[in-house]
Amino acid sequence: MQRYGQIIKIKKEKIEEYKELHTKPYEGVCEMIKECNIQNYSIYLFGEYLFAYFEYIGADFEADMAKMARDESTQKWWKVTDPCQISLGYAG
């Protein structure tokens, strides 16, 4: 198992919208997360920052993330959640 953490800034004016979106994720999104070997996925809000944590139990992280990125439900979900976020510019 590998543990991952991620920090993303959230736009102040989008915090409530982001929280509301996460009360009812789109159908298929949570299932795809599990199908891509991710477990114990949590997102915490601290001020204007989101901290995400998950555990990866698969054998090929890049392949699983590519699979998730190709998923139609996930793409629709990212289309509504991404505008709420500001990348911190580090992907290493």
N, C-alpha and C. Protein backbone atom coordinates (compact mmCIF):
# COMPACT_ATOMS: atom_id res chain seq x y z
N MET A 1 0.84 -1.18 0.00
CA MET A 1 0.00 0.00 0.00
C MET A 1 0.89 1.25 0.00
N GLN A 2 0.47 2.24 -0.78
CA GLN A 2 1.14 3.54 -0.82
C GLN A 2 0.16 4.60 -0.34
N ARG A 3 0.66 5.54 0.45
CA ARG A 3 -0.17 6.64 0.94
C ARG A 3 0.16 7.90 0.13
N TYR A 4 -0.89 8.65 -0.20
CA TYR A 4 -0.72 9.87 -0.98
C TYR A 4 -1.42 11.03 -0.28
N GLY A 5 -0.83 12.20 -0.39
CA GLY A 5 -1.44 13.42 0.10
C GLY A 5 -1.36 14.47 -0.99
N GLN A 6 -2.32 15.38 -0.99
CA GLN A 6 -2.36 16.42 -2.02
C GLN A 6 -2.92 17.69 -1.38
N ILE A 7 -2.33 18.82 -1.72
CA ILE A 7 -2.84 20.11 -1.25
C ILE A 7 -3.24 20.93 -2.47
N ILE A 8 -4.44 21.48 -2.41
CA ILE A 8 -4.98 22.33 -3.47
C ILE A 8 -5.63 23.54 -2.80
N LYS A 9 -5.47 24.69 -3.39
CA LYS A 9 -6.15 25.88 -2.88
C LYS A 9 -7.57 25.90 -3.44
N ILE A 10 -8.49 26.39 -2.64
CA ILE A 10 -9.88 26.52 -3.10
C ILE A 10 -10.23 28.00 -3.16
N LYS A 11 -10.98 28.37 -4.17
CA LYS A 11 -11.41 29.76 -4.30
C LYS A 11 -12.40 30.07 -3.17
N LYS A 12 -12.16 31.19 -2.47
CA LYS A 12 -13.02 31.56 -1.34
C LYS A 12 -14.49 31.54 -1.70
N GLU A 13 -14.79 32.11 -2.86
CA GLU A 13 -16.20 32.23 -3.26
C GLU A 13 -16.81 30.90 -3.68
N LYS A 14 -16.01 29.86 -3.77
CA LYS A 14 -16.49 28.54 -4.21
C LYS A 14 -16.54 27.51 -3.08
N ILE A 15 -16.16 27.90 -1.88
CA ILE A 15 -16.10 26.93 -0.78
C ILE A 15 -17.45 26.26 -0.53
N GLU A 16 -18.50 27.03 -0.40
CA GLU A 16 -19.81 26.44 -0.11
C GLU A 16 -20.29 25.55 -1.25
N GLU A 17 -20.08 25.99 -2.49
CA GLU A 17 -20.45 25.18 -3.65
C GLU A 17 -19.69 23.85 -3.64
N TYR A 18 -18.40 23.91 -3.36
CA TYR A 18 -17.56 22.71 -3.33
C TYR A 18 -18.05 21.74 -2.24
N LYS A 19 -18.35 22.28 -1.08
CA LYS A 19 -18.85 21.44 0.01
C LYS A 19 -20.19 20.81 -0.36
N GLU A 20 -21.06 21.57 -0.98
CA GLU A 20 -22.36 21.05 -1.41
C GLU A 20 -22.20 19.96 -2.47
N LEU A 21 -21.33 20.17 -3.43
CA LEU A 21 -21.08 19.15 -4.46
C LEU A 21 -20.67 17.83 -3.83
N HIS A 22 -19.86 17.90 -2.78
CA HIS A 22 -19.36 16.68 -2.16
C HIS A 22 -20.36 15.99 -1.23
N THR A 23 -21.51 16.61 -1.02
CA THR A 23 -22.55 15.90 -0.26
C THR A 23 -23.23 14.85 -1.11
N LYS A 24 -23.13 15.00 -2.44
CA LYS A 24 -23.74 14.02 -3.35
C LYS A 24 -22.92 13.92 -4.64
N PRO A 25 -21.81 13.19 -4.58
CA PRO A 25 -20.98 13.02 -5.79
C PRO A 25 -21.79 12.38 -6.91
N TYR A 26 -21.41 12.68 -8.13
CA TYR A 26 -22.09 12.11 -9.30
C TYR A 26 -22.02 10.59 -9.28
N GLU A 27 -23.06 9.98 -9.81
CA GLU A 27 -23.12 8.53 -9.88
C GLU A 27 -21.91 7.99 -10.64
N GLY A 28 -21.28 7.00 -10.08
CA GLY A 28 -20.15 6.36 -10.72
C GLY A 28 -18.79 6.86 -10.25
N VAL A 29 -18.74 8.05 -9.67
CA VAL A 29 -17.46 8.63 -9.27
C VAL A 29 -16.81 7.83 -8.13
N CYS A 30 -17.56 7.57 -7.08
CA CYS A 30 -17.02 6.82 -5.94
C CYS A 30 -16.67 5.39 -6.35
N GLU A 31 -17.48 4.82 -7.21
CA GLU A 31 -17.21 3.46 -7.68
C GLU A 31 -15.91 3.41 -8.49
N MET A 32 -15.68 4.42 -9.32
CA MET A 32 -14.45 4.46 -10.12
C MET A 32 -13.23 4.62 -9.22
N ILE A 33 -13.35 5.42 -8.18
CA ILE A 33 -12.25 5.58 -7.24
C ILE A 33 -11.85 4.22 -6.67
N LYS A 34 -12.84 3.45 -6.24
CA LYS A 34 -12.57 2.11 -5.70
C LYS A 34 -12.01 1.18 -6.78
N GLU A 35 -12.58 1.25 -7.97
CA GLU A 35 -12.13 0.41 -9.07
C GLU A 35 -10.68 0.69 -9.45
N CYS A 36 -10.23 1.90 -9.18
CA CYS A 36 -8.85 2.28 -9.48
C CYS A 36 -7.92 2.07 -8.28
N ASN A 37 -8.35 1.20 -7.37
CA ASN A 37 -7.52 0.75 -6.25
C ASN A 37 -7.19 1.83 -5.23
N ILE A 38 -8.13 2.76 -5.03
CA ILE A 38 -7.98 3.80 -4.02
C ILE A 38 -8.93 3.50 -2.87
N GLN A 39 -8.40 3.59 -1.66
CA GLN A 39 -9.23 3.39 -0.48
C GLN A 39 -8.92 4.49 0.54
N ASN A 40 -9.81 4.62 1.53
CA ASN A 40 -9.64 5.61 2.60
C ASN A 40 -9.38 7.02 2.05
N TYR A 41 -10.16 7.40 1.03
CA TYR A 41 -10.00 8.71 0.41
C TYR A 41 -10.77 9.74 1.21
N SER A 42 -10.08 10.77 1.64
CA SER A 42 -10.69 11.83 2.43
C SER A 42 -10.18 13.18 1.96
N ILE A 43 -11.04 14.18 2.06
CA ILE A 43 -10.65 15.56 1.74
C ILE A 43 -11.00 16.41 2.95
N TYR A 44 -10.03 17.19 3.40
CA TYR A 44 -10.22 18.08 4.54
C TYR A 44 -10.08 19.52 4.08
N LEU A 45 -10.94 20.38 4.60
CA LEU A 45 -10.88 21.80 4.29
C LEU A 45 -10.25 22.53 5.47
N PHE A 46 -9.21 23.29 5.19
CA PHE A 46 -8.54 24.09 6.21
C PHE A 46 -8.35 25.48 5.63
N GLY A 47 -9.19 26.41 6.05
CA GLY A 47 -9.13 27.76 5.51
C GLY A 47 -9.43 27.74 4.02
N GLU A 48 -8.47 28.17 3.22
CA GLU A 48 -8.62 28.18 1.76
C GLU A 48 -7.87 27.02 1.10
N TYR A 49 -7.58 25.99 1.88
CA TYR A 49 -6.83 24.86 1.34
C TYR A 49 -7.58 23.55 1.55
N LEU A 50 -7.43 22.68 0.57
CA LEU A 50 -7.96 21.33 0.66
C LEU A 50 -6.78 20.38 0.80
N PHE A 51 -6.88 19.48 1.76
CA PHE A 51 -5.88 18.43 1.89
C PHE A 51 -6.58 17.11 1.62
N ALA A 52 -6.12 16.41 0.60
CA ALA A 52 -6.69 15.11 0.25
C ALA A 52 -5.70 14.02 0.65
N TYR A 53 -6.25 12.93 1.15
CA TYR A 53 -5.44 11.78 1.55
C TYR A 53 -6.10 10.53 0.99
N PHE A 54 -5.28 9.62 0.47
CA PHE A 54 -5.81 8.32 0.07
C PHE A 54 -4.71 7.28 0.11
N GLU A 55 -5.16 6.03 0.11
CA GLU A 55 -4.25 4.90 0.08
C GLU A 55 -4.45 4.16 -1.24
N TYR A 56 -3.35 3.87 -1.89
CA TYR A 56 -3.40 3.17 -3.17
C TYR A 56 -2.94 1.73 -2.95
N ILE A 57 -3.79 0.77 -3.36
CA ILE A 57 -3.49 -0.64 -3.12
C ILE A 57 -3.26 -1.42 -4.41
N GLY A 58 -3.16 -0.73 -5.53
CA GLY A 58 -2.95 -1.39 -6.82
C GLY A 58 -1.48 -1.61 -7.13
N ALA A 59 -1.22 -2.08 -8.35
CA ALA A 59 0.14 -2.38 -8.79
C ALA A 59 0.68 -1.38 -9.81
N ASP A 60 -0.22 -0.60 -10.44
CA ASP A 60 0.20 0.33 -11.49
C ASP A 60 -0.57 1.65 -11.35
N PHE A 61 -0.02 2.55 -10.55
CA PHE A 61 -0.68 3.81 -10.23
C PHE A 61 -0.99 4.62 -11.49
N GLU A 62 -0.02 4.76 -12.38
CA GLU A 62 -0.22 5.56 -13.59
C GLU A 62 -1.35 5.00 -14.45
N ALA A 63 -1.40 3.69 -14.60
CA ALA A 63 -2.46 3.07 -15.40
C ALA A 63 -3.82 3.28 -14.75
N ASP A 64 -3.89 3.15 -13.43
CA ASP A 64 -5.17 3.36 -12.75
C ASP A 64 -5.62 4.82 -12.84
N MET A 65 -4.69 5.76 -12.73
CA MET A 65 -5.06 7.17 -12.84
C MET A 65 -5.48 7.51 -14.27
N ALA A 66 -4.86 6.89 -15.25
CA ALA A 66 -5.26 7.09 -16.65
C ALA A 66 -6.66 6.53 -16.88
N LYS A 67 -6.94 5.38 -16.28
CA LYS A 67 -8.28 4.78 -16.37
C LYS A 67 -9.32 5.73 -15.78
N MET A 68 -9.01 6.29 -14.61
CA MET A 68 -9.94 7.22 -13.97
C MET A 68 -10.15 8.45 -14.85
N ALA A 69 -9.09 8.97 -15.44
CA ALA A 69 -9.19 10.17 -16.28
C ALA A 69 -10.02 9.93 -17.53
N ARG A 70 -10.08 8.69 -18.00
CA ARG A 70 -10.88 8.36 -19.19
C ARG A 70 -12.36 8.14 -18.86
N ASP A 71 -12.67 7.97 -17.58
CA ASP A 71 -14.03 7.66 -17.17
C ASP A 71 -14.96 8.86 -17.36
N GLU A 72 -16.08 8.63 -18.03
CA GLU A 72 -17.02 9.71 -18.34
C GLU A 72 -17.59 10.38 -17.09
N SER A 73 -17.98 9.60 -16.09
CA SER A 73 -18.53 10.17 -14.86
C SER A 73 -17.49 11.04 -14.16
N THR A 74 -16.27 10.57 -14.12
CA THR A 74 -15.19 11.32 -13.48
C THR A 74 -14.92 12.62 -14.23
N GLN A 75 -14.93 12.56 -15.56
CA GLN A 75 -14.71 13.77 -16.36
C GLN A 75 -15.80 14.81 -16.08
N LYS A 76 -17.05 14.36 -15.98
CA LYS A 76 -18.15 15.29 -15.67
C LYS A 76 -17.97 15.89 -14.28
N TRP A 77 -17.54 15.05 -13.34
CA TRP A 77 -17.32 15.50 -11.96
C TRP A 77 -16.20 16.55 -11.91
N TRP A 78 -15.11 16.26 -12.57
CA TRP A 78 -14.00 17.22 -12.59
C TRP A 78 -14.39 18.52 -13.26
N LYS A 79 -15.30 18.45 -14.22
CA LYS A 79 -15.74 19.67 -14.92
C LYS A 79 -16.44 20.65 -13.97
N VAL A 80 -17.10 20.13 -12.93
CA VAL A 80 -17.77 21.02 -11.97
C VAL A 80 -16.92 21.31 -10.74
N THR A 81 -16.00 20.41 -10.38
CA THR A 81 -15.18 20.66 -9.19
C THR A 81 -13.90 21.43 -9.50
N ASP A 82 -13.31 21.21 -10.66
CA ASP A 82 -12.05 21.90 -11.00
C ASP A 82 -12.15 23.42 -10.96
N PRO A 83 -13.25 24.03 -11.44
CA PRO A 83 -13.33 25.50 -11.38
C PRO A 83 -13.35 26.07 -9.96
N CYS A 84 -13.56 25.22 -8.97
CA CYS A 84 -13.54 25.66 -7.57
C CYS A 84 -12.12 25.72 -7.02
N GLN A 85 -11.18 25.12 -7.73
CA GLN A 85 -9.84 24.91 -7.21
C GLN A 85 -8.79 25.76 -7.93
N ILE A 86 -7.68 25.98 -7.22
CA ILE A 86 -6.52 26.66 -7.79
C ILE A 86 -5.33 25.75 -7.56
N SER A 87 -4.72 25.31 -8.63
CA SER A 87 -3.54 24.44 -8.51
C SER A 87 -2.39 25.21 -7.88
N LEU A 88 -1.64 24.53 -7.05
CA LEU A 88 -0.46 25.14 -6.46
C LEU A 88 0.77 24.97 -7.35
N GLY A 89 0.56 24.31 -8.49
CA GLY A 89 1.61 24.25 -9.50
C GLY A 89 2.69 23.22 -9.29
N TYR A 90 2.49 22.28 -8.37
CA TYR A 90 3.49 21.25 -8.16
C TYR A 90 2.85 19.90 -8.38
N ALA A 91 3.43 19.10 -9.23
CA ALA A 91 2.86 17.78 -9.52
C ALA A 91 3.92 16.70 -9.37
N GLY A 92 4.83 16.86 -8.44
CA GLY A 92 5.91 15.91 -8.28
C GLY A 92 5.66 14.97 -7.19
